[in-house]
Amino acid sequence: MADFLTVALICARTLAAPDCSRDTALDVIVAPAPTPISCVMQGEALAARSGLVDRAVTYLKVACERRRTAALQPAPDDRLEH
């Protein structure tokens, strides 16, 4: 499983780059990535293939996030008691 997620954000040109996030983006593309370097390179490629970036009105912002995993804990009924 990839340790990182590529997050390609397509944001309106009227939105400042620091304010461009998953919540404010016009479109969001997410894909797994094995390394931070591949994450950045993949973001550009994903956006280019999508055709969603219109440089006159939007811009691309690529973020790389470490994938979060939850620790699995047994349910109370699954515990073994001696």
PDB file of N, CA and C in Angstrom:
ATOM      1  N   MET A   1       0.850  -1.183   0.000  1.00  0.00           N
ATOM      2  CA  MET A   1       0.000   0.000   0.000  1.00  0.00           C
ATOM      3  C   MET A   1       0.891   1.240   0.000  1.00  0.00           C
ATOM      4  N   ALA A   2       0.479   2.234  -0.769  1.00  0.00           N
ATOM      5  CA  ALA A   2       1.230   3.489  -0.852  1.00  0.00           C
ATOM      6  C   ALA A   2       1.138   4.243   0.467  1.00  0.00           C
ATOM      7  N   ASP A   3       2.245   4.877   0.847  1.00  0.00           N
ATOM      8  CA  ASP A   3       2.289   5.632   2.098  1.00  0.00           C
ATOM      9  C   ASP A   3       1.769   7.054   1.958  1.00  0.00           C
ATOM     10  N   PHE A   4       1.638   7.525   0.716  1.00  0.00           N
ATOM     11  CA  PHE A   4       1.244   8.907   0.480  1.00  0.00           C
ATOM     12  C   PHE A   4       0.019   8.992  -0.421  1.00  0.00           C
ATOM     13  N   LEU A   5      -0.639  10.133  -0.369  1.00  0.00           N
ATOM     14  CA  LEU A   5      -1.737  10.432  -1.276  1.00  0.00           C
ATOM     15  C   LEU A   5      -1.390  11.698  -2.035  1.00  0.00           C
ATOM     16  N   THR A   6      -1.548  11.635  -3.351  1.00  0.00           N
ATOM     17  CA  THR A   6      -1.430  12.828  -4.173  1.00  0.00           C
ATOM     18  C   THR A   6      -2.791  13.506  -4.157  1.00  0.00           C
ATOM     19  N   VAL A   7      -2.812  14.782  -3.819  1.00  0.00           N
ATOM     20  CA  VAL A   7      -4.054  15.544  -3.824  1.00  0.00           C
ATOM     21  C   VAL A   7      -3.861  16.710  -4.793  1.00  0.00           C
ATOM     22  N   ALA A   8      -4.511  16.611  -5.945  1.00  0.00           N
ATOM     23  CA  ALA A   8      -4.440  17.673  -6.946  1.00  0.00           C
ATOM     24  C   ALA A   8      -5.679  18.545  -6.779  1.00  0.00           C
ATOM     25  N   LEU A   9      -5.455  19.805  -6.455  1.00  0.00           N
ATOM     26  CA  LEU A   9      -6.543  20.746  -6.226  1.00  0.00           C
ATOM     27  C   LEU A   9      -6.634  21.727  -7.395  1.00  0.00           C
ATOM     28  N   ILE A  10      -7.780  21.816  -8.008  1.00  0.00           N
ATOM     29  CA  ILE A  10      -8.005  22.797  -9.071  1.00  0.00           C
ATOM     30  C   ILE A  10      -8.805  23.931  -8.449  1.00  0.00           C
ATOM     31  N   CYS A  11      -8.164  25.095  -8.342  1.00  0.00           N
ATOM     32  CA  CYS A  11      -8.776  26.231  -7.647  1.00  0.00           C
ATOM     33  C   CYS A  11      -8.980  27.414  -8.587  1.00  0.00           C
ATOM     34  N   ALA A  12      -9.958  28.238  -8.254  1.00  0.00           N
ATOM     35  CA  ALA A  12     -10.253  29.443  -9.030  1.00  0.00           C
ATOM     36  C   ALA A  12      -9.108  30.438  -8.897  1.00  0.00           C
ATOM     37  N   ARG A  13      -8.771  31.102  -9.983  1.00  0.00           N
ATOM     38  CA  ARG A  13      -7.698  32.108  -9.971  1.00  0.00           C
ATOM     39  C   ARG A  13      -7.954  33.208  -8.955  1.00  0.00           C
ATOM     40  N   THR A  14      -9.209  33.441  -8.622  1.00  0.00           N
ATOM     41  CA  THR A  14      -9.548  34.490  -7.661  1.00  0.00           C
ATOM     42  C   THR A  14      -9.258  34.085  -6.219  1.00  0.00           C
ATOM     43  N   LEU A  15      -8.928  32.812  -5.996  1.00  0.00           N
ATOM     44  CA  LEU A  15      -8.643  32.300  -4.653  1.00  0.00           C
ATOM     45  C   LEU A  15      -7.135  32.312  -4.413  1.00  0.00           C
ATOM     46  N   ALA A  16      -6.716  32.910  -3.314  1.00  0.00           N
ATOM     47  CA  ALA A  16      -5.292  32.947  -2.968  1.00  0.00           C
ATOM     48  C   ALA A  16      -4.782  31.532  -2.723  1.00  0.00           C
ATOM     49  N   ALA A  17      -3.552  31.248  -3.143  1.00  0.00           N
ATOM     50  CA  ALA A  17      -2.972  29.909  -3.007  1.00  0.00           C
ATOM     51  C   ALA A  17      -3.038  29.358  -1.577  1.00  0.00           C
ATOM     52  N   PRO A  18      -2.750  30.162  -0.531  1.00  0.00           N
ATOM     53  CA  PRO A  18      -2.841  29.621   0.825  1.00  0.00           C
ATOM     54  C   PRO A  18      -4.259  29.192   1.208  1.00  0.00           C
ATOM     55  N   ASP A  19      -5.264  29.750   0.531  1.00  0.00           N
ATOM     56  CA  ASP A  19      -6.654  29.419   0.840  1.00  0.00           C
ATOM     57  C   ASP A  19      -7.189  28.242   0.021  1.00  0.00           C
ATOM     58  N   CYS A  20      -6.402  27.770  -0.932  1.00  0.00           N
ATOM     59  CA  CYS A  20      -6.801  26.639  -1.774  1.00  0.00           C
ATOM     60  C   CYS A  20      -6.647  25.353  -0.965  1.00  0.00           C
ATOM     61  N   SER A  21      -7.761  24.669  -0.723  1.00  0.00           N
ATOM     62  CA  SER A  21      -7.758  23.437   0.066  1.00  0.00           C
ATOM     63  C   SER A  21      -8.798  22.479  -0.510  1.00  0.00           C
ATOM     64  N   ARG A  22      -8.908  21.308   0.080  1.00  0.00           N
ATOM     65  CA  ARG A  22      -9.933  20.352  -0.361  1.00  0.00           C
ATOM     66  C   ARG A  22     -11.326  20.978  -0.270  1.00  0.00           C
ATOM     67  N   ASP A  23     -11.530  21.818   0.721  1.00  0.00           N
ATOM     68  CA  ASP A  23     -12.852  22.421   0.933  1.00  0.00           C
ATOM     69  C   ASP A  23     -13.166  23.556  -0.045  1.00  0.00           C
ATOM     70  N   THR A  24     -12.145  24.251  -0.513  1.00  0.00           N
ATOM     71  CA  THR A  24     -12.386  25.422  -1.362  1.00  0.00           C
ATOM     72  C   THR A  24     -12.120  25.175  -2.842  1.00  0.00           C
ATOM     73  N   ALA A  25     -11.521  24.049  -3.178  1.00  0.00           N
ATOM     74  CA  ALA A  25     -11.187  23.741  -4.574  1.00  0.00           C
ATOM     75  C   ALA A  25     -12.446  23.490  -5.398  1.00  0.00           C
ATOM     76  N   LEU A  26     -12.358  23.817  -6.684  1.00  0.00           N
ATOM     77  CA  LEU A  26     -13.457  23.542  -7.606  1.00  0.00           C
ATOM     78  C   LEU A  26     -13.520  22.047  -7.910  1.00  0.00           C
ATOM     79  N   ASP A  27     -12.345  21.416  -8.014  1.00  0.00           N
ATOM     80  CA  ASP A  27     -12.240  19.977  -8.242  1.00  0.00           C
ATOM     81  C   ASP A  27     -11.076  19.438  -7.438  1.00  0.00           C
ATOM     82  N   VAL A  28     -11.191  18.176  -7.001  1.00  0.00           N
ATOM     83  CA  VAL A  28     -10.144  17.516  -6.229  1.00  0.00           C
ATOM     84  C   VAL A  28      -9.918  16.135  -6.835  1.00  0.00           C
ATOM     85  N   ILE A  29      -8.650  15.822  -7.114  1.00  0.00           N
ATOM     86  CA  ILE A  29      -8.281  14.501  -7.620  1.00  0.00           C
ATOM     87  C   ILE A  29      -7.328  13.890  -6.600  1.00  0.00           C
ATOM     88  N   VAL A  30      -7.624  12.668  -6.147  1.00  0.00           N
ATOM     89  CA  VAL A  30      -6.799  12.002  -5.140  1.00  0.00           C
ATOM     90  C   VAL A  30      -6.360  10.646  -5.681  1.00  0.00           C
ATOM     91  N   ALA A  31      -5.073  10.329  -5.500  1.00  0.00           N
ATOM     92  CA  ALA A  31      -4.544   9.042  -5.941  1.00  0.00           C
ATOM     93  C   ALA A  31      -3.405   8.624  -5.022  1.00  0.00           C
ATOM     94  N   PRO A  32      -3.204   7.314  -4.818  1.00  0.00           N
ATOM     95  CA  PRO A  32      -2.095   6.848  -3.987  1.00  0.00           C
ATOM     96  C   PRO A  32      -0.752   7.089  -4.673  1.00  0.00           C
ATOM     97  N   ALA A  33       0.275   7.298  -3.866  1.00  0.00           N
ATOM     98  CA  ALA A  33       1.635   7.501  -4.380  1.00  0.00           C
ATOM     99  C   ALA A  33       2.625   6.825  -3.438  1.00  0.00           C
ATOM    100  N   PRO A  34       3.638   6.151  -3.980  1.00  0.00           N
ATOM    101  CA  PRO A  34       4.590   5.436  -3.125  1.00  0.00           C
ATOM    102  C   PRO A  34       5.614   6.328  -2.420  1.00  0.00           C
ATOM    103  N   THR A  35       5.967   7.475  -3.032  1.00  0.00           N
ATOM    104  CA  THR A  35       6.984   8.367  -2.461  1.00  0.00           C
ATOM    105  C   THR A  35       6.561   9.825  -2.614  1.00  0.00           C
ATOM    106  N   PRO A  36       7.149  10.727  -1.832  1.00  0.00           N
ATOM    107  CA  PRO A  36       6.826  12.150  -1.987  1.00  0.00           C
ATOM    108  C   PRO A  36       7.162  12.687  -3.382  1.00  0.00           C
ATOM    109  N   ILE A  37       8.257  12.243  -3.966  1.00  0.00           N
ATOM    110  CA  ILE A  37       8.641  12.724  -5.299  1.00  0.00           C
ATOM    111  C   ILE A  37       7.620  12.276  -6.338  1.00  0.00           C
ATOM    112  N   SER A  38       7.225  11.012  -6.280  1.00  0.00           N
ATOM    113  CA  SER A  38       6.225  10.542  -7.238  1.00  0.00           C
ATOM    114  C   SER A  38       4.885  11.227  -6.987  1.00  0.00           C
ATOM    115  N   CYS A  39       4.636  11.606  -5.778  1.00  0.00           N
ATOM    116  CA  CYS A  39       3.404  12.307  -5.428  1.00  0.00           C
ATOM    117  C   CYS A  39       3.300  13.622  -6.197  1.00  0.00           C
ATOM    118  N   VAL A  40       4.352  14.419  -6.181  1.00  0.00           N
ATOM    119  CA  VAL A  40       4.352  15.717  -6.859  1.00  0.00           C
ATOM    120  C   VAL A  40       4.257  15.524  -8.372  1.00  0.00           C
ATOM    121  N   MET A  41       5.051  14.596  -8.902  1.00  0.00           N
ATOM    122  CA  MET A  41       5.039  14.363 -10.350  1.00  0.00           C
ATOM    123  C   MET A  41       3.671  13.843 -10.803  1.00  0.00           C
ATOM    124  N   GLN A  42       3.082  12.992 -10.011  1.00  0.00           N
ATOM    125  CA  GLN A  42       1.782  12.418 -10.354  1.00  0.00           C
ATOM    126  C   GLN A  42       0.678  13.476 -10.339  1.00  0.00           C
ATOM    127  N   GLY A  43       0.763  14.437  -9.437  1.00  0.00           N
ATOM    128  CA  GLY A  43      -0.244  15.491  -9.355  1.00  0.00           C
ATOM    129  C   GLY A  43      -0.343  16.277 -10.640  1.00  0.00           C
ATOM    130  N   GLU A  44       0.794  16.634 -11.196  1.00  0.00           N
ATOM    131  CA  GLU A  44       0.816  17.361 -12.470  1.00  0.00           C
ATOM    132  C   GLU A  44       0.196  16.517 -13.579  1.00  0.00           C
ATOM    133  N   ALA A  45       0.562  15.241 -13.624  1.00  0.00           N
ATOM    134  CA  ALA A  45       0.054  14.347 -14.674  1.00  0.00           C
ATOM    135  C   ALA A  45      -1.453  14.125 -14.541  1.00  0.00           C
ATOM    136  N   LEU A  46      -1.924  13.934 -13.320  1.00  0.00           N
ATOM    137  CA  LEU A  46      -3.364  13.725 -13.101  1.00  0.00           C
ATOM    138  C   LEU A  46      -4.167  14.926 -13.580  1.00  0.00           C
ATOM    139  N   ALA A  47      -3.710  16.106 -13.243  1.00  0.00           N
ATOM    140  CA  ALA A  47      -4.417  17.320 -13.634  1.00  0.00           C
ATOM    141  C   ALA A  47      -4.390  17.501 -15.151  1.00  0.00           C
ATOM    142  N   ALA A  48      -3.255  17.217 -15.771  1.00  0.00           N
ATOM    143  CA  ALA A  48      -3.147  17.372 -17.219  1.00  0.00           C
ATOM    144  C   ALA A  48      -4.093  16.416 -17.937  1.00  0.00           C
ATOM    145  N   ARG A  49      -4.153  15.166 -17.480  1.00  0.00           N
ATOM    146  CA  ARG A  49      -5.035  14.177 -18.110  1.00  0.00           C
ATOM    147  C   ARG A  49      -6.507  14.482 -17.879  1.00  0.00           C
ATOM    148  N   SER A  50      -6.819  15.132 -16.783  1.00  0.00           N
ATOM    149  CA  SER A  50      -8.227  15.384 -16.451  1.00  0.00           C
ATOM    150  C   SER A  50      -8.853  16.450 -17.345  1.00  0.00           C
ATOM    151  N   GLY A  51      -8.040  17.383 -17.828  1.00  0.00           N
ATOM    152  CA  GLY A  51      -8.559  18.474 -18.637  1.00  0.00           C
ATOM    153  C   GLY A  51      -9.327  19.505 -17.819  1.00  0.00           C
ATOM    154  N   LEU A  52      -9.214  19.442 -16.495  1.00  0.00           N
ATOM    155  CA  LEU A  52      -9.969  20.347 -15.628  1.00  0.00           C
ATOM    156  C   LEU A  52      -9.307  21.709 -15.429  1.00  0.00           C
ATOM    157  N   VAL A  53      -8.010  21.809 -15.726  1.00  0.00           N
ATOM    158  CA  VAL A  53      -7.307  23.067 -15.491  1.00  0.00           C
ATOM    159  C   VAL A  53      -7.419  23.958 -16.731  1.00  0.00           C
ATOM    160  N   ASP A  54      -8.070  25.084 -16.568  1.00  0.00           N
ATOM    161  CA  ASP A  54      -8.172  26.114 -17.602  1.00  0.00           C
ATOM    162  C   ASP A  54      -7.367  27.297 -17.074  1.00  0.00           C
ATOM    163  N   ARG A  55      -6.147  27.445 -17.535  1.00  0.00           N
ATOM    164  CA  ARG A  55      -5.210  28.430 -16.973  1.00  0.00           C
ATOM    165  C   ARG A  55      -5.763  29.864 -16.954  1.00  0.00           C
ATOM    166  N   ALA A  56      -6.770  30.134 -17.739  1.00  0.00           N
ATOM    167  CA  ALA A  56      -7.357  31.482 -17.743  1.00  0.00           C
ATOM    168  C   ALA A  56      -8.178  31.734 -16.483  1.00  0.00           C
ATOM    169  N   VAL A  57      -8.769  30.672 -15.918  1.00  0.00           N
ATOM    170  CA  VAL A  57      -9.657  30.873 -14.768  1.00  0.00           C
ATOM    171  C   VAL A  57      -9.320  30.010 -13.555  1.00  0.00           C
ATOM    172  N   THR A  58      -8.428  29.026 -13.717  1.00  0.00           N
ATOM    173  CA  THR A  58      -8.081  28.147 -12.596  1.00  0.00           C
ATOM    174  C   THR A  58      -6.569  27.942 -12.522  1.00  0.00           C
ATOM    175  N   TYR A  59      -6.118  27.354 -11.410  1.00  0.00           N
ATOM    176  CA  TYR A  59      -4.722  26.957 -11.275  1.00  0.00           C
ATOM    177  C   TYR A  59      -4.665  25.647 -10.503  1.00  0.00           C
ATOM    178  N   LEU A  60      -3.529  24.984 -10.606  1.00  0.00           N
ATOM    179  CA  LEU A  60      -3.330  23.691  -9.953  1.00  0.00           C
ATOM    180  C   LEU A  60      -2.468  23.864  -8.711  1.00  0.00           C
ATOM    181  N   LYS A  61      -2.882  23.217  -7.651  1.00  0.00           N
ATOM    182  CA  LYS A  61      -2.066  23.149  -6.438  1.00  0.00           C
ATOM    183  C   LYS A  61      -1.982  21.676  -6.072  1.00  0.00           C
ATOM    184  N   VAL A  62      -0.758  21.163  -5.908  1.00  0.00           N
ATOM    185  CA  VAL A  62      -0.558  19.756  -5.580  1.00  0.00           C
ATOM    186  C   VAL A  62      -0.111  19.649  -4.129  1.00  0.00           C
ATOM    187  N   ALA A  63      -0.787  18.800  -3.394  1.00  0.00           N
ATOM    188  CA  ALA A  63      -0.415  18.533  -2.007  1.00  0.00           C
ATOM    189  C   ALA A  63      -0.133  17.045  -1.868  1.00  0.00           C
ATOM    190  N   CYS A  64       0.803  16.718  -1.031  1.00  0.00           N
ATOM    191  CA  CYS A  64       1.105  15.318  -0.742  1.00  0.00           C
ATOM    192  C   CYS A  64       0.799  15.089   0.736  1.00  0.00           C
ATOM    193  N   GLU A  65      -0.035  14.110   0.973  1.00  0.00           N
ATOM    194  CA  GLU A  65      -0.433  13.807   2.350  1.00  0.00           C
ATOM    195  C   GLU A  65       0.019  12.410   2.711  1.00  0.00           C
ATOM    196  N   ARG A  66       0.466  12.264   3.946  1.00  0.00           N
ATOM    197  CA  ARG A  66       0.794  10.927   4.427  1.00  0.00           C
ATOM    198  C   ARG A  66      -0.519  10.216   4.704  1.00  0.00           C
ATOM    199  N   ARG A  67      -0.614   8.992   4.205  1.00  0.00           N
ATOM    200  CA  ARG A  67      -1.833   8.213   4.408  1.00  0.00           C
ATOM    201  C   ARG A  67      -1.968   7.876   5.894  1.00  0.00           C
ATOM    202  N   ARG A  68      -3.167   8.060   6.425  1.00  0.00           N
ATOM    203  CA  ARG A  68      -3.434   7.757   7.834  1.00  0.00           C
ATOM    204  C   ARG A  68      -4.060   6.374   7.933  1.00  0.00           C
ATOM    205  N   THR A  69      -3.612   5.630   8.920  1.00  0.00           N
ATOM    206  CA  THR A  69      -4.223   4.326   9.169  1.00  0.00           C
ATOM    207  C   THR A  69      -4.674   4.277  10.613  1.00  0.00           C
ATOM    208  N   ALA A  70      -5.799   3.676  10.826  1.00  0.00           N
ATOM    209  CA  ALA A  70      -6.322   3.539  12.186  1.00  0.00           C
ATOM    210  C   ALA A  70      -5.849   2.208  12.757  1.00  0.00           C
ATOM    211  N   ALA A  71      -5.478   2.233  14.004  1.00  0.00           N
ATOM    212  CA  ALA A  71      -5.088   0.991  14.671  1.00  0.00           C
ATOM    213  C   ALA A  71      -6.342   0.159  14.918  1.00  0.00           C
ATOM    214  N   LEU A  72      -6.251  -1.082  14.555  1.00  0.00           N
ATOM    215  CA  LEU A  72      -7.396  -1.965  14.767  1.00  0.00           C
ATOM    216  C   LEU A  72      -7.366  -2.484  16.188  1.00  0.00           C
ATOM    217  N   GLN A  73      -8.452  -2.310  16.879  1.00  0.00           N
ATOM    218  CA  GLN A  73      -8.564  -2.810  18.245  1.00  0.00           C
ATOM    219  C   GLN A  73      -9.777  -3.728  18.303  1.00  0.00           C
ATOM    220  N   PRO A  74      -9.646  -4.826  19.013  1.00  0.00           N
ATOM    221  CA  PRO A  74     -10.784  -5.738  19.077  1.00  0.00           C
ATOM    222  C   PRO A  74     -11.967  -5.101  19.804  1.00  0.00           C
ATOM    223  N   ALA A  75     -13.144  -5.480  19.374  1.00  0.00           N
ATOM    224  CA  ALA A  75     -14.360  -5.030  20.056  1.00  0.00           C
ATOM    225  C   ALA A  75     -14.384  -5.661  21.443  1.00  0.00           C
ATOM    226  N   PRO A  76     -15.095  -5.071  22.402  1.00  0.00           N
ATOM    227  CA  PRO A  76     -15.106  -5.598  23.767  1.00  0.00           C
ATOM    228  C   PRO A  76     -15.485  -7.079  23.830  1.00  0.00           C
ATOM    229  N   ASP A  77     -16.360  -7.547  22.955  1.00  0.00           N
ATOM    230  CA  ASP A  77     -16.785  -8.949  22.980  1.00  0.00           C
ATOM    231  C   ASP A  77     -15.718  -9.893  22.429  1.00  0.00           C
ATOM    232  N   ASP A  78     -14.734  -9.345  21.698  1.00  0.00           N
ATOM    233  CA  ASP A  78     -13.714 -10.166  21.066  1.00  0.00           C
ATOM    234  C   ASP A  78     -12.513 -10.411  21.970  1.00  0.00           C
ATOM    235  N   ARG A  79     -12.448  -9.794  23.108  1.00  0.00           N
ATOM    236  CA  ARG A  79     -11.294  -9.950  24.005  1.00  0.00           C
ATOM    237  C   ARG A  79     -11.320 -11.322  24.656  1.00  0.00           C
ATOM    238  N   LEU A  80     -10.141 -11.862  24.784  1.00  0.00           N
ATOM    239  CA  LEU A  80     -10.024 -13.141  25.479  1.00  0.00           C
ATOM    240  C   LEU A  80      -9.708 -12.874  26.941  1.00  0.00           C
ATOM    241  N   GLU A  81     -10.485 -13.433  27.799  1.00  0.00           N
ATOM    242  CA  GLU A  81     -10.238 -13.260  29.229  1.00  0.00           C
ATOM    243  C   GLU A  81      -9.966 -14.629  29.835  1.00  0.00           C
ATOM    244  N   HIS A  82      -8.997 -14.666  30.720  1.00  0.00           N
ATOM    245  CA  HIS A  82      -8.633 -15.933  31.371  1.00  0.00           C
ATOM    246  C   HIS A  82      -9.153 -15.960  32.780  1.00  0.00           C
TER     247      HIS A  82
END
